[in-house]
Protein backbone atom coordinates (compact mmCIF):
# COMPACT_ATOMS: atom_id res chain seq x y z
CA UNK A 1 108.34 141.40 118.34
CA UNK A 2 106.63 140.16 115.19
CA UNK A 3 103.58 141.99 113.89
CA UNK A 4 100.28 140.19 114.32
CA UNK A 5 98.54 139.17 111.16
CA UNK A 6 94.89 139.87 110.81
CA UNK A 7 92.53 136.86 110.97
CA UNK A 8 91.47 137.59 107.38
CA UNK A 9 95.08 137.46 106.13
CA UNK A 10 95.74 134.22 108.02
CA UNK A 11 92.60 132.68 106.53
CA UNK A 12 93.71 133.70 103.03
CA UNK A 13 97.20 132.22 103.53
CA UNK A 14 95.71 128.90 104.69
CA UNK A 15 93.22 128.78 101.81
CA UNK A 16 96.01 129.33 99.28
CA UNK A 17 98.29 126.80 101.03
CA UNK A 18 95.66 124.04 101.07
CA UNK A 19 94.87 124.55 97.39
CA UNK A 20 98.44 123.66 96.48
CA UNK A 21 99.19 120.07 95.45
CA UNK A 22 100.27 117.85 98.37
CA UNK A 23 103.89 117.43 97.13
CA UNK A 24 104.28 121.22 96.92
CA UNK A 25 102.81 121.67 100.42
CA UNK A 26 105.20 119.04 101.82
CA UNK A 27 108.17 120.75 100.20
CA UNK A 28 107.15 124.14 101.58
CA UNK A 29 106.74 122.70 105.06
CA UNK A 30 110.16 121.02 104.86
CA UNK A 31 111.73 124.33 103.86
CA UNK A 32 109.98 126.34 106.57
CA UNK A 33 110.11 124.18 109.69
CA UNK A 34 113.10 123.37 111.90
CA UNK A 35 115.10 120.28 110.98
CA UNK A 36 116.17 117.67 113.50
CA UNK A 37 118.65 114.82 113.30
CA UNK A 38 117.18 111.81 115.08
CA UNK A 39 119.11 109.07 116.80
CA UNK A 40 118.02 106.02 118.77
CA UNK A 41 119.64 105.07 122.09
CA UNK A 42 119.21 101.94 124.20
CA UNK A 43 119.79 101.73 127.95
CA UNK A 44 120.48 98.02 128.51
CA UNK A 45 120.44 96.80 132.10
CA UNK A 46 121.65 93.48 133.47
CA UNK A 47 118.47 91.71 134.65
CA UNK A 48 120.53 89.53 137.03
CA UNK A 49 122.38 92.35 138.80
CA UNK A 50 121.67 93.11 142.41
CA UNK A 51 122.13 96.38 144.25
CA UNK A 52 122.10 99.46 142.08
CA UNK A 53 122.28 97.31 138.94
CA UNK A 54 124.56 97.27 135.92
CA UNK A 55 124.41 99.06 132.57
CA UNK A 56 125.90 98.09 129.22
CA UNK A 57 128.41 100.65 127.97
CA UNK A 58 130.63 100.82 124.91
CA UNK A 59 134.15 102.12 124.43
CA UNK A 60 134.46 103.55 120.93
CA UNK A 61 137.10 105.55 119.07
CA UNK A 62 139.03 107.44 120.22
CA UNK A 63 138.54 105.22 123.29
CA UNK A 64 138.92 107.72 126.13
CA UNK A 65 135.40 107.40 127.51
CA UNK A 66 132.33 105.17 127.51
CA UNK A 67 129.07 105.60 125.62
CA UNK A 68 125.71 103.91 125.04
CA UNK A 69 124.59 101.68 122.15
CA UNK A 70 123.09 104.18 119.72
CA UNK A 71 123.13 105.65 116.25
CA UNK A 72 121.29 107.64 113.64
CA UNK A 73 118.03 106.40 112.21
CA UNK A 74 117.98 105.37 108.59
CA UNK A 75 115.56 107.20 106.30
CA UNK A 76 112.01 106.10 107.15
CA UNK A 77 113.15 103.80 109.96
CA UNK A 78 111.02 103.63 113.12
CA UNK A 79 113.03 104.70 116.21
CA UNK A 80 112.48 101.39 118.02
CA UNK A 81 113.66 99.46 114.95
CA UNK A 82 116.74 101.70 114.70
CA UNK A 83 117.49 101.19 118.40
CA UNK A 84 117.31 97.40 118.02
CA UNK A 85 119.48 97.53 114.87
CA UNK A 86 122.16 99.72 116.49
CA UNK A 87 122.18 97.56 119.64
CA UNK A 88 122.85 94.46 117.51
CA UNK A 89 125.48 96.17 115.34
CA UNK A 90 127.44 97.65 118.24
CA UNK A 91 127.15 95.01 120.98
CA UNK A 92 125.98 91.79 119.34
CA UNK A 93 122.79 91.80 121.45
CA UNK A 94 119.92 90.91 119.15
CA UNK A 95 116.52 91.88 120.52
CA UNK A 96 113.21 92.23 118.77
CA UNK A 97 111.96 95.82 118.70
CA UNK A 98 109.05 94.50 120.82
CA UNK A 99 111.57 93.77 123.61
CA UNK A 100 112.51 97.47 123.87
CA UNK A 101 110.45 99.73 126.12
CA UNK A 102 110.22 103.50 125.65
CA UNK A 103 112.24 105.23 128.36
CA UNK A 104 110.67 108.12 130.27
CA UNK A 105 111.28 110.62 128.81
CA UNK A 106 111.23 108.78 125.49
CA UNK A 107 112.72 111.66 123.50
CA UNK A 108 115.39 114.12 124.59
CA UNK A 109 115.76 117.22 122.43
CA UNK A 110 119.29 118.56 122.48
CA UNK A 111 120.65 121.91 121.47
CA UNK A 112 121.44 122.41 117.79
CA UNK A 113 118.69 120.24 116.34
CA UNK A 114 119.51 116.82 117.74
CA UNK A 115 116.89 114.43 119.16
CA UNK A 116 117.59 111.14 120.92
CA UNK A 117 114.72 108.65 121.12
CA UNK A 118 115.59 106.47 124.10
CA UNK A 119 114.56 102.89 124.84
CA UNK A 120 115.25 100.47 127.67
CA UNK A 121 115.84 96.73 127.78
CA UNK A 122 116.96 94.15 130.32
CA UNK A 123 118.96 91.04 129.51
CA UNK A 124 120.77 88.48 131.69
CA UNK A 125 124.45 89.41 131.40
CA UNK A 126 125.69 85.91 132.27
CA UNK A 127 123.84 84.45 129.26
CA UNK A 128 124.38 87.35 126.85
CA UNK A 129 127.42 87.27 124.59
CA UNK A 130 128.82 90.69 123.75
CA UNK A 131 130.37 90.91 120.28
CA UNK A 132 132.19 94.01 119.00
CA UNK A 133 133.95 94.64 115.71
CA UNK A 134 137.11 96.26 117.12
CA UNK A 135 136.76 99.19 114.70
CA UNK A 136 133.50 101.02 115.45
CA UNK A 137 133.41 99.61 118.98
CA UNK A 138 136.58 98.63 120.89
CA UNK A 139 134.85 97.10 123.88
CA UNK A 140 131.40 96.42 125.35
CA UNK A 141 131.10 95.77 129.08
CA UNK A 142 128.68 95.81 132.00
CA UNK A 143 129.32 98.53 134.58
CA UNK A 144 127.79 98.97 138.05
CA UNK A 145 125.46 101.98 138.12
CA UNK A 146 127.06 103.17 141.35
CA UNK A 147 130.60 102.94 139.92
CA UNK A 148 130.48 104.03 136.26
CA UNK A 149 133.67 104.53 134.26
CA UNK A 150 134.57 107.82 132.60
CA UNK A 151 131.59 108.71 130.40
CA UNK A 152 131.57 110.97 127.37
CA UNK A 153 130.05 114.33 128.26
CA UNK A 154 127.01 113.73 126.04
CA UNK A 155 126.45 110.27 127.58
CA UNK A 156 126.74 111.63 131.13
CA UNK A 157 124.24 114.37 130.29
CA UNK A 158 121.80 111.97 128.65
CA UNK A 159 121.99 109.47 131.53
CA UNK A 160 121.29 112.34 133.94
CA UNK A 161 117.76 112.53 132.53
CA UNK A 162 117.23 108.98 133.82
CA UNK A 163 118.74 109.49 137.26
CA UNK A 164 121.97 107.69 136.34
CA UNK A 165 125.59 108.80 136.66
CA UNK A 166 127.36 112.01 137.64
CA UNK A 167 124.60 114.31 136.32
CA UNK A 168 121.72 112.44 137.99
CA UNK A 169 119.33 114.74 139.76
CA UNK A 170 120.76 117.91 138.26
CA UNK A 171 117.73 119.84 137.07
CA UNK A 172 118.02 121.30 133.61
CA UNK A 173 121.11 119.33 132.60
CA UNK A 174 121.64 120.38 129.02
CA UNK A 175 122.64 117.45 126.81
CA UNK A 176 123.70 119.84 124.06
CA UNK A 177 126.49 121.39 126.13
CA UNK A 178 128.97 118.75 125.08
CA UNK A 179 127.93 118.82 121.46
CA UNK A 180 125.18 116.78 119.91
CA UNK A 181 124.51 113.49 121.64
CA UNK A 182 123.83 111.57 118.46
CA UNK A 183 125.76 110.21 115.55
CA UNK A 184 128.05 112.18 113.32
CA UNK A 185 127.91 115.12 115.65
CA UNK A 186 129.38 118.11 113.87
CA UNK A 187 131.06 119.33 117.04
CA UNK A 188 132.21 116.00 118.39
CA UNK A 189 132.96 114.09 115.21
CA UNK A 190 131.52 111.00 116.84
CA UNK A 191 129.90 108.22 114.87
CA UNK A 192 127.21 107.15 117.33
CA UNK A 193 124.46 108.57 119.47
CA UNK A 194 125.04 109.57 123.05
CA UNK A 195 128.76 109.91 122.59
């Protein structure tokens, strides 16, 4: 249990803090507060699919399971812009950031300081060409929501938040249990979000 500071001491600390130049205050805050790595993920559905629907998934190195279009944000990049950029880079689907809708929940905080900001989009699969580079992404394909292929653990956990896949409806599914769900995960060694 931490000792309580007196109101007078707290007031003094704040007075001193706010007298510091703004760059010094920013630096102190950056040193003192938790750090998060932020990735952007896009759930892309086939707007023409009937039944349960279809979802775009990617097979990336090492190629044993399927993931979502996603990646780390660049410095100063808005999450929706990063999601649109990663979607284009990994699948060839070029959408304006305005075409992406925030998913609910929009942000999923994982164990070990990882945050995924999640967006949704719908495109007609029959008129949407999927283009992959064969290095970062081996394959992009549409999969029926009621018959998904083998998903990476992080992807299965993330999709569970949206009522999709093997972890759907499991309260308290912890996306961090399979390592960070975003790019360059230190435990997974993956390049992209939701791996």
